Amino acid sequence: MPTSQSQDLSMPSSSKRNIMRRKPPRGTITRYGDRIVEVLGKARGQRVMIRSIHPDGSERLTAVKLTNLQLLERQLF
């Protein structure tokens, strides 16, 4: 009978995902999903305004939840 090994398939803990805990200063560059974005300022509640460039080349301003922003790694590219 094979030994059972537990595999951790759950989502990474918040400490591993580098989630923003506080509102970053204006102009901060962060990651939102697969995009690199610039924080423009605070929006309502736990949201911030971001500026991003989409694949079609258009610039968009969006209000997103602070918990969905992630700190950038030490190396951008």
N, C-alpha and C. Protein backbone atom coordinates (compact mmCIF):
# COMPACT_ATOMS: atom_id res chain seq x y z
N MET A 1 0.85 -1.18 0.00
CA MET A 1 0.00 0.00 0.00
C MET A 1 0.90 1.24 0.00
N PRO A 2 0.70 2.18 -0.96
CA PRO A 2 1.54 3.37 -1.03
C PRO A 2 1.27 4.32 0.13
N THR A 3 2.32 5.00 0.52
CA THR A 3 2.14 5.98 1.60
C THR A 3 1.41 7.20 1.05
N SER A 4 0.58 7.75 1.86
CA SER A 4 -0.18 8.93 1.38
C SER A 4 0.63 10.18 1.67
N GLN A 5 0.81 10.96 0.63
CA GLN A 5 1.50 12.23 0.77
C GLN A 5 0.49 13.33 0.50
N SER A 6 0.40 14.26 1.42
CA SER A 6 -0.56 15.34 1.19
C SER A 6 0.06 16.38 0.28
N GLN A 7 -0.65 16.71 -0.76
CA GLN A 7 -0.20 17.74 -1.69
C GLN A 7 -1.00 18.99 -1.42
N ASP A 8 -0.32 20.10 -1.29
CA ASP A 8 -0.98 21.35 -1.02
C ASP A 8 -1.38 22.01 -2.33
N LEU A 9 -2.64 21.84 -2.72
CA LEU A 9 -3.14 22.40 -3.97
C LEU A 9 -3.96 23.66 -3.74
N SER A 10 -3.98 24.14 -2.51
CA SER A 10 -4.77 25.33 -2.19
C SER A 10 -4.06 26.59 -2.70
N MET A 11 -4.78 27.69 -2.64
CA MET A 11 -4.21 28.98 -3.04
C MET A 11 -3.07 29.34 -2.09
N PRO A 12 -2.05 30.00 -2.60
CA PRO A 12 -0.97 30.42 -1.71
C PRO A 12 -1.48 31.37 -0.64
N SER A 13 -0.87 31.32 0.52
CA SER A 13 -1.30 32.22 1.58
C SER A 13 -1.02 33.65 1.19
N SER A 14 -1.70 34.57 1.84
CA SER A 14 -1.56 35.97 1.48
C SER A 14 -0.14 36.47 1.66
N SER A 15 0.59 35.89 2.59
CA SER A 15 1.97 36.33 2.79
C SER A 15 2.86 35.93 1.62
N LYS A 16 2.51 34.87 0.91
CA LYS A 16 3.31 34.41 -0.22
C LYS A 16 2.99 35.17 -1.50
N ARG A 17 1.84 35.79 -1.58
CA ARG A 17 1.40 36.44 -2.81
C ARG A 17 1.78 37.91 -2.88
N ASN A 18 2.43 38.45 -1.87
CA ASN A 18 2.84 39.85 -1.86
C ASN A 18 1.67 40.81 -2.06
N ILE A 19 0.58 40.56 -1.39
CA ILE A 19 -0.60 41.41 -1.52
C ILE A 19 -0.36 42.74 -0.82
N MET A 20 -0.86 43.80 -1.42
CA MET A 20 -0.76 45.12 -0.82
C MET A 20 -1.68 45.18 0.40
N ARG A 21 -1.16 45.61 1.51
CA ARG A 21 -1.96 45.74 2.73
C ARG A 21 -2.46 47.16 2.95
N ARG A 22 -1.71 48.13 2.48
CA ARG A 22 -2.07 49.54 2.63
C ARG A 22 -2.08 50.20 1.27
N LYS A 23 -2.75 51.34 1.20
CA LYS A 23 -2.80 52.07 -0.06
C LYS A 23 -1.40 52.52 -0.45
N PRO A 24 -0.96 52.12 -1.64
CA PRO A 24 0.39 52.55 -2.07
C PRO A 24 0.37 54.03 -2.45
N PRO A 25 1.50 54.69 -2.35
CA PRO A 25 1.56 56.11 -2.75
C PRO A 25 1.26 56.28 -4.23
N ARG A 26 0.78 57.46 -4.58
CA ARG A 26 0.49 57.78 -5.98
C ARG A 26 1.76 57.62 -6.82
N GLY A 27 1.60 57.01 -8.00
CA GLY A 27 2.73 56.80 -8.89
C GLY A 27 3.43 55.46 -8.71
N THR A 28 3.02 54.68 -7.71
CA THR A 28 3.63 53.37 -7.48
C THR A 28 3.29 52.43 -8.64
N ILE A 29 4.27 51.67 -9.09
CA ILE A 29 4.07 50.68 -10.14
C ILE A 29 3.83 49.33 -9.46
N THR A 30 2.71 48.67 -9.80
CA THR A 30 2.36 47.39 -9.20
C THR A 30 1.89 46.43 -10.29
N ARG A 31 1.53 45.23 -9.88
CA ARG A 31 1.00 44.23 -10.80
C ARG A 31 -0.49 44.03 -10.50
N TYR A 32 -1.31 44.01 -11.55
CA TYR A 32 -2.73 43.71 -11.42
C TYR A 32 -3.02 42.61 -12.43
N GLY A 33 -3.16 41.39 -11.94
CA GLY A 33 -3.33 40.25 -12.83
C GLY A 33 -2.06 40.06 -13.64
N ASP A 34 -2.18 40.09 -14.96
CA ASP A 34 -1.00 39.93 -15.81
C ASP A 34 -0.47 41.27 -16.31
N ARG A 35 -1.02 42.37 -15.81
CA ARG A 35 -0.61 43.71 -16.26
C ARG A 35 0.23 44.44 -15.22
N ILE A 36 1.12 45.28 -15.70
CA ILE A 36 1.86 46.21 -14.85
C ILE A 36 1.09 47.52 -14.90
N VAL A 37 0.75 48.08 -13.74
CA VAL A 37 -0.11 49.26 -13.69
C VAL A 37 0.50 50.34 -12.81
N GLU A 38 0.01 51.55 -12.96
CA GLU A 38 0.41 52.68 -12.12
C GLU A 38 -0.75 53.06 -11.23
N VAL A 39 -0.49 53.23 -9.94
CA VAL A 39 -1.53 53.65 -8.99
C VAL A 39 -1.69 55.16 -9.10
N LEU A 40 -2.95 55.60 -9.30
CA LEU A 40 -3.23 57.03 -9.45
C LEU A 40 -3.75 57.66 -8.16
N GLY A 41 -4.42 56.90 -7.33
CA GLY A 41 -4.96 57.46 -6.09
C GLY A 41 -6.06 56.59 -5.54
N LYS A 42 -6.65 57.06 -4.47
CA LYS A 42 -7.69 56.31 -3.78
C LYS A 42 -9.04 56.48 -4.44
N ALA A 43 -9.82 55.42 -4.42
CA ALA A 43 -11.22 55.46 -4.87
C ALA A 43 -12.08 55.13 -3.65
N ARG A 44 -13.32 54.81 -3.83
CA ARG A 44 -14.21 54.52 -2.70
C ARG A 44 -13.85 53.20 -2.02
N GLY A 45 -14.04 53.18 -0.71
CA GLY A 45 -13.85 51.95 0.06
C GLY A 45 -12.41 51.47 0.00
N GLN A 46 -12.26 50.18 -0.22
CA GLN A 46 -10.93 49.56 -0.28
C GLN A 46 -10.42 49.47 -1.71
N ARG A 47 -10.72 50.47 -2.52
CA ARG A 47 -10.32 50.47 -3.93
C ARG A 47 -9.37 51.61 -4.24
N VAL A 48 -8.57 51.41 -5.28
CA VAL A 48 -7.67 52.45 -5.77
C VAL A 48 -7.87 52.59 -7.27
N MET A 49 -7.55 53.77 -7.78
CA MET A 49 -7.60 54.00 -9.23
C MET A 49 -6.25 53.62 -9.81
N ILE A 50 -6.29 52.89 -10.94
CA ILE A 50 -5.05 52.51 -11.63
C ILE A 50 -5.12 52.93 -13.08
N ARG A 51 -3.95 53.06 -13.70
CA ARG A 51 -3.85 53.34 -15.14
C ARG A 51 -3.11 52.14 -15.74
N SER A 52 -3.68 51.59 -16.82
CA SER A 52 -3.02 50.47 -17.48
C SER A 52 -3.12 50.63 -18.99
N ILE A 53 -2.20 49.98 -19.68
CA ILE A 53 -2.20 49.96 -21.14
C ILE A 53 -2.63 48.55 -21.56
N HIS A 54 -3.65 48.47 -22.39
CA HIS A 54 -4.17 47.18 -22.83
C HIS A 54 -3.51 46.74 -24.14
N PRO A 55 -3.67 45.47 -24.49
CA PRO A 55 -3.01 44.95 -25.70
C PRO A 55 -3.35 45.73 -26.97
N ASP A 56 -4.51 46.33 -27.03
CA ASP A 56 -4.88 47.10 -28.23
C ASP A 56 -4.25 48.50 -28.23
N GLY A 57 -3.46 48.81 -27.19
CA GLY A 57 -2.76 50.09 -27.11
C GLY A 57 -3.53 51.19 -26.41
N SER A 58 -4.75 50.91 -25.99
CA SER A 58 -5.54 51.95 -25.33
C SER A 58 -5.19 52.03 -23.85
N GLU A 59 -5.22 53.25 -23.33
CA GLU A 59 -4.96 53.49 -21.92
C GLU A 59 -6.30 53.50 -21.20
N ARG A 60 -6.38 52.80 -20.07
CA ARG A 60 -7.65 52.75 -19.34
C ARG A 60 -7.42 53.06 -17.87
N LEU A 61 -8.38 53.76 -17.30
CA LEU A 61 -8.39 54.04 -15.87
C LEU A 61 -9.44 53.14 -15.24
N THR A 62 -9.08 52.47 -14.16
CA THR A 62 -9.97 51.49 -13.55
C THR A 62 -9.86 51.58 -12.04
N ALA A 63 -10.98 51.38 -11.35
CA ALA A 63 -10.97 51.27 -9.89
C ALA A 63 -10.91 49.78 -9.56
N VAL A 64 -9.91 49.37 -8.79
CA VAL A 64 -9.75 47.96 -8.44
C VAL A 64 -9.58 47.82 -6.94
N LYS A 65 -9.89 46.63 -6.42
CA LYS A 65 -9.72 46.38 -5.00
C LYS A 65 -8.24 46.33 -4.66
N LEU A 66 -7.91 46.91 -3.55
CA LEU A 66 -6.53 46.97 -3.09
C LEU A 66 -5.92 45.57 -2.94
N THR A 67 -6.73 44.61 -2.52
CA THR A 67 -6.22 43.25 -2.31
C THR A 67 -5.84 42.56 -3.62
N ASN A 68 -6.29 43.09 -4.77
CA ASN A 68 -5.95 42.49 -6.06
C ASN A 68 -4.65 43.01 -6.63
N LEU A 69 -4.06 44.01 -5.99
CA LEU A 69 -2.76 44.52 -6.44
C LEU A 69 -1.66 43.73 -5.75
N GLN A 70 -0.59 43.45 -6.49
CA GLN A 70 0.54 42.73 -5.94
C GLN A 70 1.80 43.56 -6.12
N LEU A 71 2.68 43.46 -5.14
CA LEU A 71 3.97 44.12 -5.25
C LEU A 71 4.76 43.50 -6.39
N LEU A 72 5.57 44.30 -7.06
CA LEU A 72 6.41 43.77 -8.11
C LEU A 72 7.57 42.99 -7.51
N GLU A 73 8.05 42.04 -8.25
CA GLU A 73 9.25 41.31 -7.85
C GLU A 73 10.43 42.26 -7.99
N ARG A 74 11.57 41.85 -7.56
CA ARG A 74 12.75 42.71 -7.64
C ARG A 74 13.14 43.01 -9.08
N GLN A 75 12.85 42.08 -10.00
CA GLN A 75 13.21 42.26 -11.40
C GLN A 75 11.93 42.37 -12.21
N LEU A 76 11.79 43.44 -12.99
CA LEU A 76 10.58 43.69 -13.75
C LEU A 76 10.50 42.79 -14.98
N PHE A 77 11.60 42.63 -15.69
CA PHE A 77 11.58 41.82 -16.92
C PHE A 77 12.50 40.64 -16.79
